[in-house]
């Protein structure tokens, strides 16, 4: 199985090369380049808003992975049908027949399989089906989910034993925010002191940083400013993810 071609990687518009993307890339590369005797599943886990799905989507394109985002209502059949559609294979037959088709395509193509919202796969009780796909194909499989996903998987010893790397998503930091700034606030120069404040209120969330950068840029442009710093922002509120409290009259 071939490694991700890092020499040809270029920044994609709208995608910041933040730390979690780099962490996930290294883990996926390990799975692709691993010795055949090593396990080949990778688990990317962390709180909502940490940019896991963005990183997985980017790396799916980069590594030509098959990518599906599990849904809470999916049955085993619906799950397999979604993977087959992603493979451009007409979903048909029994669950066993569809699983066999998927395993054959994974083995023949050498392409990895990314399963986002993998908590649903565990909660709905068909994570062993994922292990079956892995055992039949030995293709790298990336599971992406919330912070409790590793704990859930530990209850399935035969699944946990196939994990090559557990990758905890990291909270957004100032360096990440600087990269996000070039995408979400490209028209205003946001000073580092205000950017640090944005990071503090985000509590690790990439999504909240992005929302606040857009908010600051909008406020600055409305006032005709090309630069925004903490002194100018003052006591104005930043987005924290919490619903606004009702003001007393």
C-alpha atoms as a PDB file:
ATOM      1  CA  UNK A   1       0.000   0.000   0.000  1.00  0.00           C
ATOM      2  CA  UNK A   2       1.384   3.349  -0.967  1.00  0.00           C
ATOM      3  CA  UNK A   3       2.126   6.234   1.309  1.00  0.00           C
ATOM      4  CA  UNK A   4       0.487   9.625   1.028  1.00  0.00           C
ATOM      5  CA  UNK A   5       2.524  11.690  -1.387  1.00  0.00           C
ATOM      6  CA  UNK A   6       3.591  14.526   0.882  1.00  0.00           C
ATOM      7  CA  UNK A   7       5.762  16.118  -1.785  1.00  0.00           C
ATOM      8  CA  UNK A   8       2.691  16.948  -3.863  1.00  0.00           C
ATOM      9  CA  UNK A   9       0.535  18.267  -1.002  1.00  0.00           C
ATOM     10  CA  UNK A  10      -0.555  21.861  -1.421  1.00  0.00           C
ATOM     11  CA  UNK A  11      -2.887  23.950   0.683  1.00  0.00           C
ATOM     12  CA  UNK A  12      -6.491  23.651  -0.435  1.00  0.00           C
ATOM     13  CA  UNK A  13      -8.539  26.883  -0.358  1.00  0.00           C
ATOM     14  CA  UNK A  14     -10.669  26.957   2.798  1.00  0.00           C
ATOM     15  CA  UNK A  15      -8.569  24.348   4.621  1.00  0.00           C
ATOM     16  CA  UNK A  16      -6.071  25.394   7.288  1.00  0.00           C
ATOM     17  CA  UNK A  17      -3.122  23.089   7.924  1.00  0.00           C
ATOM     18  CA  UNK A  18      -3.719  22.991  11.672  1.00  0.00           C
ATOM     19  CA  UNK A  19      -2.215  20.596  14.187  1.00  0.00           C
ATOM     20  CA  UNK A  20      -4.987  17.985  14.163  1.00  0.00           C
ATOM     21  CA  UNK A  21      -4.672  17.600  10.414  1.00  0.00           C
ATOM     22  CA  UNK A  22      -0.961  16.891  10.801  1.00  0.00           C
ATOM     23  CA  UNK A  23      -1.570  14.374  13.615  1.00  0.00           C
ATOM     24  CA  UNK A  24      -4.168  12.516  11.596  1.00  0.00           C
ATOM     25  CA  UNK A  25      -1.989  12.511   8.481  1.00  0.00           C
ATOM     26  CA  UNK A  26       0.903  10.866  10.340  1.00  0.00           C
ATOM     27  CA  UNK A  27      -1.382   8.164  11.766  1.00  0.00           C
ATOM     28  CA  UNK A  28      -2.958   7.399   8.406  1.00  0.00           C
ATOM     29  CA  UNK A  29       0.460   7.215   6.789  1.00  0.00           C
ATOM     30  CA  UNK A  30       1.565   4.735   9.465  1.00  0.00           C
ATOM     31  CA  UNK A  31      -1.411   2.534   8.669  1.00  0.00           C
ATOM     32  CA  UNK A  32      -0.795   2.721   4.931  1.00  0.00           C
ATOM     33  CA  UNK A  33       2.918   1.934   5.231  1.00  0.00           C
ATOM     34  CA  UNK A  34       2.722  -0.573   8.075  1.00  0.00           C
ATOM     35  CA  UNK A  35       4.277  -4.025   8.072  1.00  0.00           C
ATOM     36  CA  UNK A  36       1.690  -6.599   7.003  1.00  0.00           C
ATOM     37  CA  UNK A  37       1.867  -8.236  10.433  1.00  0.00           C
ATOM     38  CA  UNK A  38       0.768  -5.049  12.230  1.00  0.00           C
ATOM     39  CA  UNK A  39      -2.836  -3.993  12.866  1.00  0.00           C
ATOM     40  CA  UNK A  40      -4.254  -1.405  10.504  1.00  0.00           C
ATOM     41  CA  UNK A  41      -7.035   0.479  12.249  1.00  0.00           C
ATOM     42  CA  UNK A  42      -6.652   4.065  13.471  1.00  0.00           C
ATOM     43  CA  UNK A  43      -8.959   5.922  15.875  1.00  0.00           C
ATOM     44  CA  UNK A  44      -9.199   9.729  15.816  1.00  0.00           C
ATOM     45  CA  UNK A  45     -11.199  10.900  18.823  1.00  0.00           C
ATOM     46  CA  UNK A  46     -12.029  14.132  20.594  1.00  0.00           C
ATOM     47  CA  UNK A  47     -14.735  16.626  21.554  1.00  0.00           C
ATOM     48  CA  UNK A  48     -17.135  18.066  19.010  1.00  0.00           C
ATOM     49  CA  UNK A  49     -15.785  21.139  17.239  1.00  0.00           C
ATOM     50  CA  UNK A  50     -12.128  20.094  17.295  1.00  0.00           C
ATOM     51  CA  UNK A  51     -11.971  19.853  13.507  1.00  0.00           C
ATOM     52  CA  UNK A  52     -11.899  16.056  13.215  1.00  0.00           C
ATOM     53  CA  UNK A  53     -14.338  15.849  10.320  1.00  0.00           C
ATOM     54  CA  UNK A  54     -12.552  18.604   8.398  1.00  0.00           C
ATOM     55  CA  UNK A  55      -9.247  16.785   8.832  1.00  0.00           C
ATOM     56  CA  UNK A  56     -10.780  13.447   7.835  1.00  0.00           C
ATOM     57  CA  UNK A  57     -12.399  14.894   4.714  1.00  0.00           C
ATOM     58  CA  UNK A  58      -9.153  16.529   3.650  1.00  0.00           C
ATOM     59  CA  UNK A  59      -7.134  13.368   4.214  1.00  0.00           C
ATOM     60  CA  UNK A  60      -9.763  11.230   2.488  1.00  0.00           C
ATOM     61  CA  UNK A  61      -9.182  13.264  -0.660  1.00  0.00           C
ATOM     62  CA  UNK A  62      -5.450  13.239  -0.128  1.00  0.00           C
ATOM     63  CA  UNK A  63      -5.232   9.460   0.328  1.00  0.00           C
ATOM     64  CA  UNK A  64      -8.097   8.532  -2.024  1.00  0.00           C
ATOM     65  CA  UNK A  65      -9.915   6.927   0.887  1.00  0.00           C
ATOM     66  CA  UNK A  66     -13.510   5.784   0.792  1.00  0.00           C
ATOM     67  CA  UNK A  67     -15.352   8.072   3.214  1.00  0.00           C
ATOM     68  CA  UNK A  68     -18.718   7.592   4.935  1.00  0.00           C
ATOM     69  CA  UNK A  69     -20.324   9.519   7.769  1.00  0.00           C
ATOM     70  CA  UNK A  70     -22.421   7.183   9.892  1.00  0.00           C
ATOM     71  CA  UNK A  71     -25.895   8.248  10.959  1.00  0.00           C
ATOM     72  CA  UNK A  72     -27.705   7.458  14.184  1.00  0.00           C
ATOM     73  CA  UNK A  73     -30.570   5.706  12.373  1.00  0.00           C
ATOM     74  CA  UNK A  74     -28.450   3.423  10.213  1.00  0.00           C
ATOM     75  CA  UNK A  75     -28.809  -0.341  10.420  1.00  0.00           C
ATOM     76  CA  UNK A  76     -26.031  -2.722   9.345  1.00  0.00           C
ATOM     77  CA  UNK A  77     -27.626  -2.881   5.904  1.00  0.00           C
ATOM     78  CA  UNK A  78     -27.832   0.911   5.544  1.00  0.00           C
ATOM     79  CA  UNK A  79     -24.201   1.207   6.669  1.00  0.00           C
ATOM     80  CA  UNK A  80     -22.977  -1.264   4.043  1.00  0.00           C
ATOM     81  CA  UNK A  81     -25.135   0.312   1.352  1.00  0.00           C
ATOM     82  CA  UNK A  82     -23.570   3.707   2.066  1.00  0.00           C
ATOM     83  CA  UNK A  83     -20.046   2.294   1.706  1.00  0.00           C
ATOM     84  CA  UNK A  84     -20.953   0.576  -1.568  1.00  0.00           C
ATOM     85  CA  UNK A  85     -22.390   3.802  -2.947  1.00  0.00           C
ATOM     86  CA  UNK A  86     -19.153   5.564  -2.000  1.00  0.00           C
ATOM     87  CA  UNK A  87     -17.334   2.845  -3.948  1.00  0.00           C
ATOM     88  CA  UNK A  88     -19.654   3.381  -6.929  1.00  0.00           C
ATOM     89  CA  UNK A  89     -20.885  -0.194  -6.570  1.00  0.00           C
ATOM     90  CA  UNK A  90     -24.617  -0.856  -6.801  1.00  0.00           C
ATOM     91  CA  UNK A  91     -25.813  -1.924  -3.332  1.00  0.00           C
ATOM     92  CA  UNK A  92     -27.582  -5.260  -3.684  1.00  0.00           C
ATOM     93  CA  UNK A  93     -27.859  -8.666  -2.066  1.00  0.00           C
ATOM     94  CA  UNK A  94     -27.749  -9.728   1.556  1.00  0.00           C
ATOM     95  CA  UNK A  95     -25.679  -8.162   4.324  1.00  0.00           C
ATOM     96  CA  UNK A  96     -23.119 -10.945   3.913  1.00  0.00           C
ATOM     97  CA  UNK A  97     -22.906 -10.421   0.161  1.00  0.00           C
ATOM     98  CA  UNK A  98     -22.506  -6.653   0.496  1.00  0.00           C
ATOM     99  CA  UNK A  99     -19.796  -7.059   3.142  1.00  0.00           C
ATOM    100  CA  UNK A 100     -17.938  -9.412   0.828  1.00  0.00           C
ATOM    101  CA  UNK A 101     -18.151  -6.922  -2.059  1.00  0.00           C
ATOM    102  CA  UNK A 102     -16.768  -4.146   0.153  1.00  0.00           C
ATOM    103  CA  UNK A 103     -13.898  -6.281   1.435  1.00  0.00           C
ATOM    104  CA  UNK A 104     -13.012  -7.314  -2.112  1.00  0.00           C
ATOM    105  CA  UNK A 105     -12.962  -3.689  -3.291  1.00  0.00           C
ATOM    106  CA  UNK A 106     -10.833  -2.571  -0.328  1.00  0.00           C
ATOM    107  CA  UNK A 107      -8.330  -5.373  -0.909  1.00  0.00           C
ATOM    108  CA  UNK A 108      -8.162  -4.865  -4.681  1.00  0.00           C
ATOM    109  CA  UNK A 109      -7.937  -1.057  -4.624  1.00  0.00           C
ATOM    110  CA  UNK A 110      -5.515  -0.706  -1.707  1.00  0.00           C
ATOM    111  CA  UNK A 111      -7.530   2.340  -0.621  1.00  0.00           C
ATOM    112  CA  UNK A 112      -8.344   3.012   3.052  1.00  0.00           C
ATOM    113  CA  UNK A 113     -11.828   3.334   4.523  1.00  0.00           C
ATOM    114  CA  UNK A 114     -12.720   6.334   6.721  1.00  0.00           C
ATOM    115  CA  UNK A 115     -15.775   6.034   8.980  1.00  0.00           C
ATOM    116  CA  UNK A 116     -16.838   9.335  10.548  1.00  0.00           C
ATOM    117  CA  UNK A 117     -19.298   9.553  13.470  1.00  0.00           C
ATOM    118  CA  UNK A 118     -18.111   6.063  14.384  1.00  0.00           C
ATOM    119  CA  UNK A 119     -19.816   6.310  17.778  1.00  0.00           C
ATOM    120  CA  UNK A 120     -23.054   5.479  15.975  1.00  0.00           C
ATOM    121  CA  UNK A 121     -21.505   2.291  14.599  1.00  0.00           C
ATOM    122  CA  UNK A 122     -20.614   1.198  18.134  1.00  0.00           C
ATOM    123  CA  UNK A 123     -23.853   2.370  19.740  1.00  0.00           C
ATOM    124  CA  UNK A 124     -25.962   0.614  17.108  1.00  0.00           C
ATOM    125  CA  UNK A 125     -24.080  -2.626  17.733  1.00  0.00           C
ATOM    126  CA  UNK A 126     -22.357  -3.367  14.442  1.00  0.00           C
ATOM    127  CA  UNK A 127     -18.747  -2.399  15.141  1.00  0.00           C
ATOM    128  CA  UNK A 128     -17.846  -6.096  14.766  1.00  0.00           C
ATOM    129  CA  UNK A 129     -18.970  -5.742  11.151  1.00  0.00           C
ATOM    130  CA  UNK A 130     -16.201  -3.170  10.694  1.00  0.00           C
ATOM    131  CA  UNK A 131     -13.745  -5.656  12.114  1.00  0.00           C
ATOM    132  CA  UNK A 132     -15.020  -8.229   9.632  1.00  0.00           C
ATOM    133  CA  UNK A 133     -14.312  -5.816   6.767  1.00  0.00           C
ATOM    134  CA  UNK A 134     -10.826  -5.234   8.115  1.00  0.00           C
ATOM    135  CA  UNK A 135     -10.039  -8.915   8.592  1.00  0.00           C
ATOM    136  CA  UNK A 136     -11.242  -9.767   5.096  1.00  0.00           C
ATOM    137  CA  UNK A 137      -9.318  -6.961   3.368  1.00  0.00           C
ATOM    138  CA  UNK A 138      -6.507  -5.826   5.732  1.00  0.00           C
ATOM    139  CA  UNK A 139      -7.171  -2.334   4.403  1.00  0.00           C
ATOM    140  CA  UNK A 140      -6.439   0.615   6.701  1.00  0.00           C
ATOM    141  CA  UNK A 141      -9.600   1.797   8.451  1.00  0.00           C
ATOM    142  CA  UNK A 142      -9.866   5.173  10.195  1.00  0.00           C
ATOM    143  CA  UNK A 143     -12.594   5.564  12.818  1.00  0.00           C
ATOM    144  CA  UNK A 144     -13.477   9.158  13.745  1.00  0.00           C
ATOM    145  CA  UNK A 145     -15.585   9.908  16.796  1.00  0.00           C
ATOM    146  CA  UNK A 146     -16.144  11.693  20.077  1.00  0.00           C
ATOM    147  CA  UNK A 147     -13.876  11.633  23.134  1.00  0.00           C
ATOM    148  CA  UNK A 148     -15.521   8.509  24.590  1.00  0.00           C
ATOM    149  CA  UNK A 149     -15.018   6.425  21.446  1.00  0.00           C
ATOM    150  CA  UNK A 150     -11.848   4.681  22.785  1.00  0.00           C
ATOM    151  CA  UNK A 151     -13.687   3.683  25.967  1.00  0.00           C
ATOM    152  CA  UNK A 152     -16.538   2.268  23.926  1.00  0.00           C
ATOM    153  CA  UNK A 153     -14.156   0.326  21.689  1.00  0.00           C
ATOM    154  CA  UNK A 154     -12.304  -1.178  24.655  1.00  0.00           C
ATOM    155  CA  UNK A 155     -15.437  -3.196  25.339  1.00  0.00           C
ATOM    156  CA  UNK A 156     -14.798  -4.978  22.040  1.00  0.00           C
ATOM    157  CA  UNK A 157     -11.413  -6.597  22.640  1.00  0.00           C
ATOM    158  CA  UNK A 158     -11.136  -8.030  19.136  1.00  0.00           C
ATOM    159  CA  UNK A 159     -11.705  -4.576  17.645  1.00  0.00           C
ATOM    160  CA  UNK A 160      -9.405  -2.701  20.041  1.00  0.00           C
ATOM    161  CA  UNK A 161      -6.678  -5.245  19.336  1.00  0.00           C
ATOM    162  CA  UNK A 162      -6.679  -4.236  15.664  1.00  0.00           C
ATOM    163  CA  UNK A 163      -5.972  -0.567  16.427  1.00  0.00           C
ATOM    164  CA  UNK A 164      -2.531   0.613  15.364  1.00  0.00           C
ATOM    165  CA  UNK A 165      -2.856   4.166  16.693  1.00  0.00           C
ATOM    166  CA  UNK A 166      -5.183   6.039  19.040  1.00  0.00           C
ATOM    167  CA  UNK A 167      -5.057   9.714  18.035  1.00  0.00           C
ATOM    168  CA  UNK A 168      -6.588  12.216  20.485  1.00  0.00           C
ATOM    169  CA  UNK A 169      -7.576  15.427  18.720  1.00  0.00           C
ATOM    170  CA  UNK A 170      -5.817  18.410  20.284  1.00  0.00           C
ATOM    171  CA  UNK A 171      -7.466  21.668  21.372  1.00  0.00           C
ATOM    172  CA  UNK A 172      -6.947  24.612  19.054  1.00  0.00           C
ATOM    173  CA  UNK A 173      -3.957  26.792  19.992  1.00  0.00           C
ATOM    174  CA  UNK A 174      -2.604  30.178  18.957  1.00  0.00           C
ATOM    175  CA  UNK A 175      -0.591  28.761  16.063  1.00  0.00           C
ATOM    176  CA  UNK A 176      -3.701  27.018  14.743  1.00  0.00           C
ATOM    177  CA  UNK A 177      -5.670  30.243  15.138  1.00  0.00           C
ATOM    178  CA  UNK A 178      -3.104  32.154  13.085  1.00  0.00           C
ATOM    179  CA  UNK A 179      -3.620  29.692  10.234  1.00  0.00           C
ATOM    180  CA  UNK A 180      -7.378  29.898  10.583  1.00  0.00           C
ATOM    181  CA  UNK A 181      -7.115  33.690  10.549  1.00  0.00           C
ATOM    182  CA  UNK A 182      -5.884  33.648   6.944  1.00  0.00           C
ATOM    183  CA  UNK A 183      -9.079  31.849   5.897  1.00  0.00           C
ATOM    184  CA  UNK A 184     -11.847  33.283   8.066  1.00  0.00           C
ATOM    185  CA  UNK A 185     -10.598  36.868   8.462  1.00  0.00           C
ATOM    186  CA  UNK A 186      -8.502  37.482   5.373  1.00  0.00           C
ATOM    187  CA  UNK A 187      -9.767  41.053   4.915  1.00  0.00           C
ATOM    188  CA  UNK A 188      -8.838  42.342   8.376  1.00  0.00           C
ATOM    189  CA  UNK A 189      -5.532  42.203  10.260  1.00  0.00           C
ATOM    190  CA  UNK A 190      -6.454  40.653  13.619  1.00  0.00           C
ATOM    191  CA  UNK A 191      -3.757  41.294  16.211  1.00  0.00           C
ATOM    192  CA  UNK A 192      -2.315  38.434  18.237  1.00  0.00           C
ATOM    193  CA  UNK A 193      -3.684  39.783  21.542  1.00  0.00           C
ATOM    194  CA  UNK A 194      -7.244  39.567  20.243  1.00  0.00           C
ATOM    195  CA  UNK A 195      -6.490  36.228  18.606  1.00  0.00           C
ATOM    196  CA  UNK A 196      -5.283  34.864  21.959  1.00  0.00           C
ATOM    197  CA  UNK A 197      -8.544  35.988  23.522  1.00  0.00           C
ATOM    198  CA  UNK A 198     -10.434  34.128  20.788  1.00  0.00           C
ATOM    199  CA  UNK A 199      -8.468  30.958  21.581  1.00  0.00           C
ATOM    200  CA  UNK A 200      -9.226  31.300  25.299  1.00  0.00           C
ATOM    201  CA  UNK A 201     -12.999  31.532  24.866  1.00  0.00           C
ATOM    202  CA  UNK A 202     -13.035  28.727  22.270  1.00  0.00           C
ATOM    203  CA  UNK A 203     -12.152  26.096  24.901  1.00  0.00           C
ATOM    204  CA  UNK A 204     -10.347  24.008  22.316  1.00  0.00           C
ATOM    205  CA  UNK A 205     -12.916  24.261  19.526  1.00  0.00           C
ATOM    206  CA  UNK A 206     -11.742  25.014  16.001  1.00  0.00           C
ATOM    207  CA  UNK A 207     -15.346  25.772  15.082  1.00  0.00           C
ATOM    208  CA  UNK A 208     -15.669  28.495  17.717  1.00  0.00           C
ATOM    209  CA  UNK A 209     -12.422  30.115  16.609  1.00  0.00           C
ATOM    210  CA  UNK A 210     -13.687  30.214  13.023  1.00  0.00           C
ATOM    211  CA  UNK A 211     -17.029  31.734  14.074  1.00  0.00           C
ATOM    212  CA  UNK A 212     -15.320  34.420  16.154  1.00  0.00           C
ATOM    213  CA  UNK A 213     -12.842  35.315  13.437  1.00  0.00           C
ATOM    214  CA  UNK A 214     -15.737  35.851  11.066  1.00  0.00           C
ATOM    215  CA  UNK A 215     -17.540  37.897  13.739  1.00  0.00           C
ATOM    216  CA  UNK A 216     -14.529  40.138  14.384  1.00  0.00           C
ATOM    217  CA  UNK A 217     -13.955  40.707  10.692  1.00  0.00           C
ATOM    218  CA  UNK A 218     -17.606  41.644  10.184  1.00  0.00           C
ATOM    219  CA  UNK A 219     -17.529  44.133  13.086  1.00  0.00           C
ATOM    220  CA  UNK A 220     -14.278  45.682  11.903  1.00  0.00           C
ATOM    221  CA  UNK A 221     -15.436  46.072   8.317  1.00  0.00           C
ATOM    222  CA  UNK A 222     -18.708  47.614   9.486  1.00  0.00           C
ATOM    223  CA  UNK A 223     -16.614  50.256  11.277  1.00  0.00           C
ATOM    224  CA  UNK A 224     -14.332  50.758   8.299  1.00  0.00           C
ATOM    225  CA  UNK A 225     -11.277  49.266  10.029  1.00  0.00           C
ATOM    226  CA  UNK A 226      -8.481  47.252   8.461  1.00  0.00           C
ATOM    227  CA  UNK A 227      -6.968  46.162  11.783  1.00  0.00           C
ATOM    228  CA  UNK A 228      -8.551  44.752  14.932  1.00  0.00           C
ATOM    229  CA  UNK A 229      -6.921  44.352  18.335  1.00  0.00           C
ATOM    230  CA  UNK A 230      -8.030  43.596  21.881  1.00  0.00           C
ATOM    231  CA  UNK A 231      -8.109  47.271  22.863  1.00  0.00           C
ATOM    232  CA  UNK A 232     -10.559  48.049  20.077  1.00  0.00           C
ATOM    233  CA  UNK A 233     -12.715  45.001  20.746  1.00  0.00           C
ATOM    234  CA  UNK A 234     -13.037  45.934  24.405  1.00  0.00           C
ATOM    235  CA  UNK A 235     -15.834  44.268  26.360  1.00  0.00           C
ATOM    236  CA  UNK A 236     -17.806  43.057  23.384  1.00  0.00           C
ATOM    237  CA  UNK A 237     -18.827  39.430  23.631  1.00  0.00           C
ATOM    238  CA  UNK A 238     -17.320  36.591  21.655  1.00  0.00           C
ATOM    239  CA  UNK A 239     -19.103  33.412  20.635  1.00  0.00           C
ATOM    240  CA  UNK A 240     -18.724  30.685  23.274  1.00  0.00           C
ATOM    241  CA  UNK A 241     -21.212  28.137  21.977  1.00  0.00           C
ATOM    242  CA  UNK A 242     -23.664  28.903  24.783  1.00  0.00           C
ATOM    243  CA  UNK A 243     -27.124  30.308  24.165  1.00  0.00           C
ATOM    244  CA  UNK A 244     -27.391  34.016  24.897  1.00  0.00           C
ATOM    245  CA  UNK A 245     -28.865  34.789  28.307  1.00  0.00           C
ATOM    246  CA  UNK A 246     -32.059  36.791  28.432  1.00  0.00           C
ATOM    247  CA  UNK A 247     -31.425  40.338  29.512  1.00  0.00           C
ATOM    248  CA  UNK A 248     -33.471  41.805  32.352  1.00  0.00           C
ATOM    249  CA  UNK A 249     -35.475  44.875  31.458  1.00  0.00           C
END
